[in-house]
Amino acid sequence: MPKIKTHKGTKKVLKVRKSGKVKMYCPGSRHNTGSKPTKFNRKNRKGNSLSKADRNRLKNVI
Protein backbone atom coordinates (compact mmCIF):
# COMPACT_ATOMS: atom_id res chain seq x y z
CA MET A 1 0.00 0.00 0.00
CA PRO A 2 1.60 3.34 -1.03
CA LYS A 3 1.93 6.26 1.34
CA ILE A 4 -0.71 9.01 1.21
CA LYS A 5 0.76 12.24 -0.15
CA THR A 6 0.28 15.50 1.72
CA HIS A 7 -1.97 18.01 -0.08
CA LYS A 8 0.38 20.99 -0.37
CA GLY A 9 -2.36 23.62 -0.78
CA THR A 10 -4.04 22.49 2.44
CA LYS A 11 -0.73 22.28 4.26
CA LYS A 12 -0.02 25.96 3.52
CA VAL A 13 -3.40 27.10 4.87
CA LEU A 14 -3.79 24.94 7.99
CA LYS A 15 -1.41 24.63 10.95
CA VAL A 16 -1.58 21.90 13.59
CA ARG A 17 -1.25 23.16 17.18
CA LYS A 18 0.44 21.26 20.03
CA SER A 19 -2.93 20.21 21.42
CA GLY A 20 -3.83 18.59 18.09
CA LYS A 21 -6.34 21.29 17.10
CA VAL A 22 -6.02 22.65 13.57
CA LYS A 23 -5.63 26.41 13.21
CA MET A 24 -6.98 28.22 10.14
CA TYR A 25 -7.49 31.81 9.10
CA CYS A 26 -10.94 33.34 8.68
CA PRO A 27 -12.25 33.54 5.13
CA GLY A 28 -13.00 36.95 3.68
CA SER A 29 -10.11 38.80 5.32
CA ARG A 30 -7.55 38.82 2.48
CA HIS A 31 -8.70 41.66 0.20
CA ASN A 32 -11.49 44.25 -0.27
CA THR A 33 -11.66 44.76 3.49
CA GLY A 34 -12.36 48.49 3.12
CA SER A 35 -15.91 47.84 1.98
CA LYS A 36 -16.58 45.30 4.76
CA PRO A 37 -17.78 46.33 8.22
CA THR A 38 -15.08 47.16 10.78
CA LYS A 39 -16.58 44.69 13.22
CA PHE A 40 -16.19 41.92 10.65
CA ASN A 41 -12.53 42.83 10.00
CA ARG A 42 -11.74 43.05 13.71
CA LYS A 43 -13.38 39.70 14.44
CA ASN A 44 -11.49 38.00 11.60
CA ARG A 45 -8.00 39.02 12.78
CA LYS A 46 -7.99 36.10 15.17
CA GLY A 47 -7.63 32.64 13.72
CA ASN A 48 -10.26 29.94 13.88
CA SER A 49 -9.89 26.27 14.63
CA LEU A 50 -11.42 23.48 12.57
CA SER A 51 -14.36 21.56 13.97
CA LYS A 52 -13.81 18.00 15.15
CA ALA A 53 -15.71 16.59 12.16
CA ASP A 54 -13.58 18.53 9.67
CA ARG A 55 -10.41 17.58 11.56
CA ASN A 56 -11.23 13.89 11.18
CA ARG A 57 -12.03 14.37 7.50
CA LEU A 58 -8.74 16.14 6.75
CA LYS A 59 -6.50 14.02 8.99
CA ASN A 60 -4.93 12.12 6.08
CA VAL A 61 -4.54 15.20 3.89
CA ILE A 62 -2.40 17.30 6.25
PDB file of N, CA and C in Angstrom:
ATOM      1  N   MET A   1       0.842  -1.183   0.000  1.00  0.00           N
ATOM      2  CA  MET A   1       0.000   0.000   0.000  1.00  0.00           C
ATOM      3  C   MET A   1       0.889   1.249   0.000  1.00  0.00           C
ATOM      4  N   PRO A   2       0.741   2.151  -0.983  1.00  0.00           N
ATOM      5  CA  PRO A   2       1.596   3.336  -1.028  1.00  0.00           C
ATOM      6  C   PRO A   2       1.218   4.355   0.048  1.00  0.00           C
ATOM      7  N   LYS A   3       2.169   5.217   0.348  1.00  0.00           N
ATOM      8  CA  LYS A   3       1.928   6.265   1.339  1.00  0.00           C
ATOM      9  C   LYS A   3       0.961   7.291   0.768  1.00  0.00           C
ATOM     10  N   ILE A   4       0.205   7.952   1.643  1.00  0.00           N
ATOM     11  CA  ILE A   4      -0.708   9.012   1.210  1.00  0.00           C
ATOM     12  C   ILE A   4       0.081  10.315   1.147  1.00  0.00           C
ATOM     13  N   LYS A   5       0.029  10.988   0.009  1.00  0.00           N
ATOM     14  CA  LYS A   5       0.763  12.237  -0.147  1.00  0.00           C
ATOM     15  C   LYS A   5       0.035  13.372   0.557  1.00  0.00           C
ATOM     16  N   THR A   6       0.813  14.313   1.079  1.00  0.00           N
ATOM     17  CA  THR A   6       0.277  15.504   1.716  1.00  0.00           C
ATOM     18  C   THR A   6      -0.242  16.444   0.638  1.00  0.00           C
ATOM     19  N   HIS A   7      -1.427  17.016   0.854  1.00  0.00           N
ATOM     20  CA  HIS A   7      -1.971  18.009  -0.078  1.00  0.00           C
ATOM     21  C   HIS A   7      -1.304  19.340   0.241  1.00  0.00           C
ATOM     22  N   LYS A   8      -0.455  19.824  -0.652  1.00  0.00           N
ATOM     23  CA  LYS A   8       0.384  20.988  -0.373  1.00  0.00           C
ATOM     24  C   LYS A   8      -0.417  22.277  -0.191  1.00  0.00           C
ATOM     25  N   GLY A   9      -1.524  22.423  -0.925  1.00  0.00           N
ATOM     26  CA  GLY A   9      -2.360  23.619  -0.775  1.00  0.00           C
ATOM     27  C   GLY A   9      -2.985  23.687   0.600  1.00  0.00           C
ATOM     28  N   THR A  10      -3.439  22.553   1.107  1.00  0.00           N
ATOM     29  CA  THR A  10      -4.043  22.491   2.438  1.00  0.00           C
ATOM     30  C   THR A  10      -2.985  22.698   3.503  1.00  0.00           C
ATOM     31  N   LYS A  11      -1.811  22.163   3.291  1.00  0.00           N
ATOM     32  CA  LYS A  11      -0.727  22.276   4.262  1.00  0.00           C
ATOM     33  C   LYS A  11      -0.330  23.738   4.483  1.00  0.00           C
ATOM     34  N   LYS A  12      -0.404  24.548   3.416  1.00  0.00           N
ATOM     35  CA  LYS A  12      -0.024  25.957   3.517  1.00  0.00           C
ATOM     36  C   LYS A  12      -1.066  26.784   4.254  1.00  0.00           C
ATOM     37  N   VAL A  13      -2.313  26.329   4.274  1.00  0.00           N
ATOM     38  CA  VAL A  13      -3.405  27.100   4.871  1.00  0.00           C
ATOM     39  C   VAL A  13      -3.654  26.711   6.320  1.00  0.00           C
ATOM     40  N   LEU A  14      -3.475  25.433   6.654  1.00  0.00           N
ATOM     41  CA  LEU A  14      -3.787  24.941   7.990  1.00  0.00           C
ATOM     42  C   LEU A  14      -2.508  24.635   8.767  1.00  0.00           C
ATOM     43  N   LYS A  15      -2.529  24.941  10.071  1.00  0.00           N
ATOM     44  CA  LYS A  15      -1.408  24.632  10.950  1.00  0.00           C
ATOM     45  C   LYS A  15      -1.929  23.793  12.105  1.00  0.00           C
ATOM     46  N   VAL A  16      -1.175  22.766  12.484  1.00  0.00           N
ATOM     47  CA  VAL A  16      -1.579  21.904  13.590  1.00  0.00           C
ATOM     48  C   VAL A  16      -0.926  22.420  14.870  1.00  0.00           C
ATOM     49  N   ARG A  17      -1.749  22.679  15.889  1.00  0.00           N
ATOM     50  CA  ARG A  17      -1.251  23.159  17.179  1.00  0.00           C
ATOM     51  C   ARG A  17      -0.759  21.994  18.024  1.00  0.00           C
ATOM     52  N   LYS A  18      -0.090  22.299  19.143  1.00  0.00           N
ATOM     53  CA  LYS A  18       0.438  21.262  20.027  1.00  0.00           C
ATOM     54  C   LYS A  18      -0.660  20.368  20.576  1.00  0.00           C
ATOM     55  N   SER A  19      -1.821  20.969  20.839  1.00  0.00           N
ATOM     56  CA  SER A  19      -2.930  20.209  21.417  1.00  0.00           C
ATOM     57  C   SER A  19      -3.587  19.270  20.400  1.00  0.00           C
ATOM     58  N   GLY A  20      -3.238  19.425  19.128  1.00  0.00           N
ATOM     59  CA  GLY A  20      -3.834  18.593  18.089  1.00  0.00           C
ATOM     60  C   GLY A  20      -4.932  19.315  17.328  1.00  0.00           C
ATOM     61  N   LYS A  21      -5.335  20.507  17.825  1.00  0.00           N
ATOM     62  CA  LYS A  21      -6.338  21.292  17.104  1.00  0.00           C
ATOM     63  C   LYS A  21      -5.699  21.861  15.842  1.00  0.00           C
ATOM     64  N   VAL A  22      -6.524  22.128  14.847  1.00  0.00           N
ATOM     65  CA  VAL A  22      -6.022  22.647  13.574  1.00  0.00           C
ATOM     66  C   VAL A  22      -6.418  24.104  13.456  1.00  0.00           C
ATOM     67  N   LYS A  23      -5.417  24.982  13.302  1.00  0.00           N
ATOM     68  CA  LYS A  23      -5.631  26.410  13.212  1.00  0.00           C
ATOM     69  C   LYS A  23      -5.817  26.809  11.754  1.00  0.00           C
ATOM     70  N   MET A  24      -6.768  27.701  11.488  1.00  0.00           N
ATOM     71  CA  MET A  24      -6.979  28.219  10.141  1.00  0.00           C
ATOM     72  C   MET A  24      -7.323  29.699  10.231  1.00  0.00           C
ATOM     73  N   TYR A  25      -7.157  30.400   9.137  1.00  0.00           N
ATOM     74  CA  TYR A  25      -7.494  31.813   9.101  1.00  0.00           C
ATOM     75  C   TYR A  25      -8.931  31.982   8.631  1.00  0.00           C
ATOM     76  N   CYS A  26      -9.543  33.087   9.039  1.00  0.00           N
ATOM     77  CA  CYS A  26     -10.940  33.338   8.684  1.00  0.00           C
ATOM     78  C   CYS A  26     -11.050  33.689   7.205  1.00  0.00           C
ATOM     79  N   PRO A  27     -12.051  33.161   6.525  1.00  0.00           N
ATOM     80  CA  PRO A  27     -12.249  33.535   5.128  1.00  0.00           C
ATOM     81  C   PRO A  27     -12.796  34.957   5.020  1.00  0.00           C
ATOM     82  N   GLY A  28     -12.479  35.614   3.919  1.00  0.00           N
ATOM     83  CA  GLY A  28     -13.005  36.953   3.679  1.00  0.00           C
ATOM     84  C   GLY A  28     -12.154  38.061   4.245  1.00  0.00           C
ATOM     85  N   SER A  29     -10.935  37.751   4.704  1.00  0.00           N
ATOM     86  CA  SER A  29     -10.110  38.797   5.316  1.00  0.00           C
ATOM     87  C   SER A  29      -8.825  39.061   4.533  1.00  0.00           C
ATOM     88  N   ARG A  30      -8.780  38.648   3.274  1.00  0.00           N
ATOM     89  CA  ARG A  30      -7.554  38.824   2.481  1.00  0.00           C
ATOM     90  C   ARG A  30      -7.553  40.136   1.685  1.00  0.00           C
ATOM     91  N   HIS A  31      -8.660  40.437   1.019  1.00  0.00           N
ATOM     92  CA  HIS A  31      -8.697  41.661   0.205  1.00  0.00           C
ATOM     93  C   HIS A  31     -10.098  42.253   0.240  1.00  0.00           C
ATOM     94  N   ASN A  32     -10.221  43.493  -0.264  1.00  0.00           N
ATOM     95  CA  ASN A  32     -11.491  44.249  -0.271  1.00  0.00           C
ATOM     96  C   ASN A  32     -12.052  44.420   1.141  1.00  0.00           C
ATOM     97  N   THR A  33     -11.182  44.633   2.114  1.00  0.00           N
ATOM     98  CA  THR A  33     -11.657  44.760   3.495  1.00  0.00           C
ATOM     99  C   THR A  33     -12.177  46.166   3.794  1.00  0.00           C
ATOM    100  N   GLY A  34     -11.881  47.121   2.900  1.00  0.00           N
ATOM    101  CA  GLY A  34     -12.355  48.489   3.115  1.00  0.00           C
ATOM    102  C   GLY A  34     -13.863  48.609   3.008  1.00  0.00           C
ATOM    103  N   SER A  35     -14.458  47.772   2.172  1.00  0.00           N
ATOM    104  CA  SER A  35     -15.910  47.838   1.979  1.00  0.00           C
ATOM    105  C   SER A  35     -16.664  46.962   2.973  1.00  0.00           C
ATOM    106  N   LYS A  36     -15.937  46.178   3.768  1.00  0.00           N
ATOM    107  CA  LYS A  36     -16.575  45.302   4.756  1.00  0.00           C
ATOM    108  C   LYS A  36     -16.668  46.028   6.085  1.00  0.00           C
ATOM    109  N   PRO A  37     -17.640  45.658   6.936  1.00  0.00           N
ATOM    110  CA  PRO A  37     -17.784  46.329   8.223  1.00  0.00           C
ATOM    111  C   PRO A  37     -16.549  46.165   9.108  1.00  0.00           C
ATOM    112  N   THR A  38     -16.247  47.188   9.897  1.00  0.00           N
ATOM    113  CA  THR A  38     -15.081  47.160  10.778  1.00  0.00           C
ATOM    114  C   THR A  38     -15.174  46.029  11.785  1.00  0.00           C
ATOM    115  N   LYS A  39     -16.368  45.766  12.251  1.00  0.00           N
ATOM    116  CA  LYS A  39     -16.577  44.688  13.222  1.00  0.00           C
ATOM    117  C   LYS A  39     -16.176  43.337  12.614  1.00  0.00           C
ATOM    118  N   PHE A  40     -16.528  43.148  11.363  1.00  0.00           N
ATOM    119  CA  PHE A  40     -16.186  41.917  10.653  1.00  0.00           C
ATOM    120  C   PHE A  40     -14.670  41.765  10.540  1.00  0.00           C
ATOM    121  N   ASN A  41     -13.988  42.862  10.153  1.00  0.00           N
ATOM    122  CA  ASN A  41     -12.527  42.827   9.997  1.00  0.00           C
ATOM    123  C   ASN A  41     -11.839  42.567  11.328  1.00  0.00           C
ATOM    124  N   ARG A  42     -12.327  43.194  12.389  1.00  0.00           N
ATOM    125  CA  ARG A  42     -11.738  43.045  13.713  1.00  0.00           C
ATOM    126  C   ARG A  42     -11.897  41.609  14.220  1.00  0.00           C
ATOM    127  N   LYS A  43     -13.077  41.060  13.995  1.00  0.00           N
ATOM    128  CA  LYS A  43     -13.380  39.701  14.443  1.00  0.00           C
ATOM    129  C   LYS A  43     -12.538  38.669  13.694  1.00  0.00           C
ATOM    130  N   ASN A  44     -12.216  38.955  12.428  1.00  0.00           N
ATOM    131  CA  ASN A  44     -11.491  37.999  11.596  1.00  0.00           C
ATOM    132  C   ASN A  44      -9.983  38.041  11.763  1.00  0.00           C
ATOM    133  N   ARG A  45      -9.456  38.970  12.572  1.00  0.00           N
ATOM    134  CA  ARG A  45      -8.005  39.022  12.784  1.00  0.00           C
ATOM    135  C   ARG A  45      -7.516  37.787  13.515  1.00  0.00           C
ATOM    136  N   LYS A  46      -8.327  37.311  14.428  1.00  0.00           N
ATOM    137  CA  LYS A  46      -7.988  36.105  15.169  1.00  0.00           C
ATOM    138  C   LYS A  46      -8.201  34.905  14.270  1.00  0.00           C
ATOM    139  N   GLY A  47      -7.438  33.862  14.497  1.00  0.00           N
ATOM    140  CA  GLY A  47      -7.632  32.642  13.718  1.00  0.00           C
ATOM    141  C   GLY A  47      -8.796  31.830  14.256  1.00  0.00           C
ATOM    142  N   ASN A  48      -9.218  30.887  13.488  1.00  0.00           N
ATOM    143  CA  ASN A  48     -10.257  29.942  13.882  1.00  0.00           C
ATOM    144  C   ASN A  48      -9.627  28.574  14.041  1.00  0.00           C
ATOM    145  N   SER A  49     -10.365  27.649  14.632  1.00  0.00           N
ATOM    146  CA  SER A  49      -9.893  26.266  14.625  1.00  0.00           C
ATOM    147  C   SER A  49     -10.957  25.410  13.952  1.00  0.00           C
ATOM    148  N   LEU A  50     -10.506  24.376  13.283  1.00  0.00           N
ATOM    149  CA  LEU A  50     -11.420  23.482  12.570  1.00  0.00           C
ATOM    150  C   LEU A  50     -12.281  22.706  13.555  1.00  0.00           C
ATOM    151  N   SER A  51     -13.482  22.378  13.130  1.00  0.00           N
ATOM    152  CA  SER A  51     -14.356  21.561  13.968  1.00  0.00           C
ATOM    153  C   SER A  51     -13.815  20.136  14.009  1.00  0.00           C
ATOM    154  N   LYS A  52     -14.289  19.367  14.973  1.00  0.00           N
ATOM    155  CA  LYS A  52     -13.805  18.000  15.149  1.00  0.00           C
ATOM    156  C   LYS A  52     -14.133  17.140  13.923  1.00  0.00           C
ATOM    157  N   ALA A  53     -15.307  17.363  13.337  1.00  0.00           N
ATOM    158  CA  ALA A  53     -15.714  16.592  12.159  1.00  0.00           C
ATOM    159  C   ALA A  53     -14.793  16.880  10.978  1.00  0.00           C
ATOM    160  N   ASP A  54     -14.465  18.174  10.760  1.00  0.00           N
ATOM    161  CA  ASP A  54     -13.577  18.528   9.670  1.00  0.00           C
ATOM    162  C   ASP A  54     -12.157  18.039   9.919  1.00  0.00           C
ATOM    163  N   ARG A  55     -11.745  18.063  11.197  1.00  0.00           N
ATOM    164  CA  ARG A  55     -10.409  17.585  11.562  1.00  0.00           C
ATOM    165  C   ARG A  55     -10.262  16.099  11.198  1.00  0.00           C
ATOM    166  N   ASN A  56     -11.273  15.313  11.516  1.00  0.00           N
ATOM    167  CA  ASN A  56     -11.233  13.894  11.184  1.00  0.00           C
ATOM    168  C   ASN A  56     -11.234  13.657   9.682  1.00  0.00           C
ATOM    169  N   ARG A  57     -11.953  14.515   8.955  1.00  0.00           N
ATOM    170  CA  ARG A  57     -12.035  14.372   7.501  1.00  0.00           C
ATOM    171  C   ARG A  57     -10.704  14.699   6.826  1.00  0.00           C
ATOM    172  N   LEU A  58      -9.989  15.676   7.374  1.00  0.00           N
ATOM    173  CA  LEU A  58      -8.740  16.144   6.746  1.00  0.00           C
ATOM    174  C   LEU A  58      -7.492  15.554   7.384  1.00  0.00           C
ATOM    175  N   LYS A  59      -7.647  14.576   8.264  1.00  0.00           N
ATOM    176  CA  LYS A  59      -6.505  14.015   8.991  1.00  0.00           C
ATOM    177  C   LYS A  59      -5.450  13.433   8.047  1.00  0.00           C
ATOM    178  N   ASN A  60      -5.877  12.748   7.004  1.00  0.00           N
ATOM    179  CA  ASN A  60      -4.933  12.124   6.083  1.00  0.00           C
ATOM    180  C   ASN A  60      -4.337  13.103   5.085  1.00  0.00           C
ATOM    181  N   VAL A  61      -4.982  14.234   4.899  1.00  0.00           N
ATOM    182  CA  VAL A  61      -4.540  15.202   3.889  1.00  0.00           C
ATOM    183  C   VAL A  61      -3.374  16.042   4.394  1.00  0.00           C
ATOM    184  N   ILE A  62      -3.416  16.394   5.689  1.00  0.00           N
ATOM    185  CA  ILE A  62      -2.397  17.296   6.249  1.00  0.00           C
ATOM    186  C   ILE A  62      -1.104  16.534   6.497  1.00  0.00           C
TER     187      ILE A  62
END
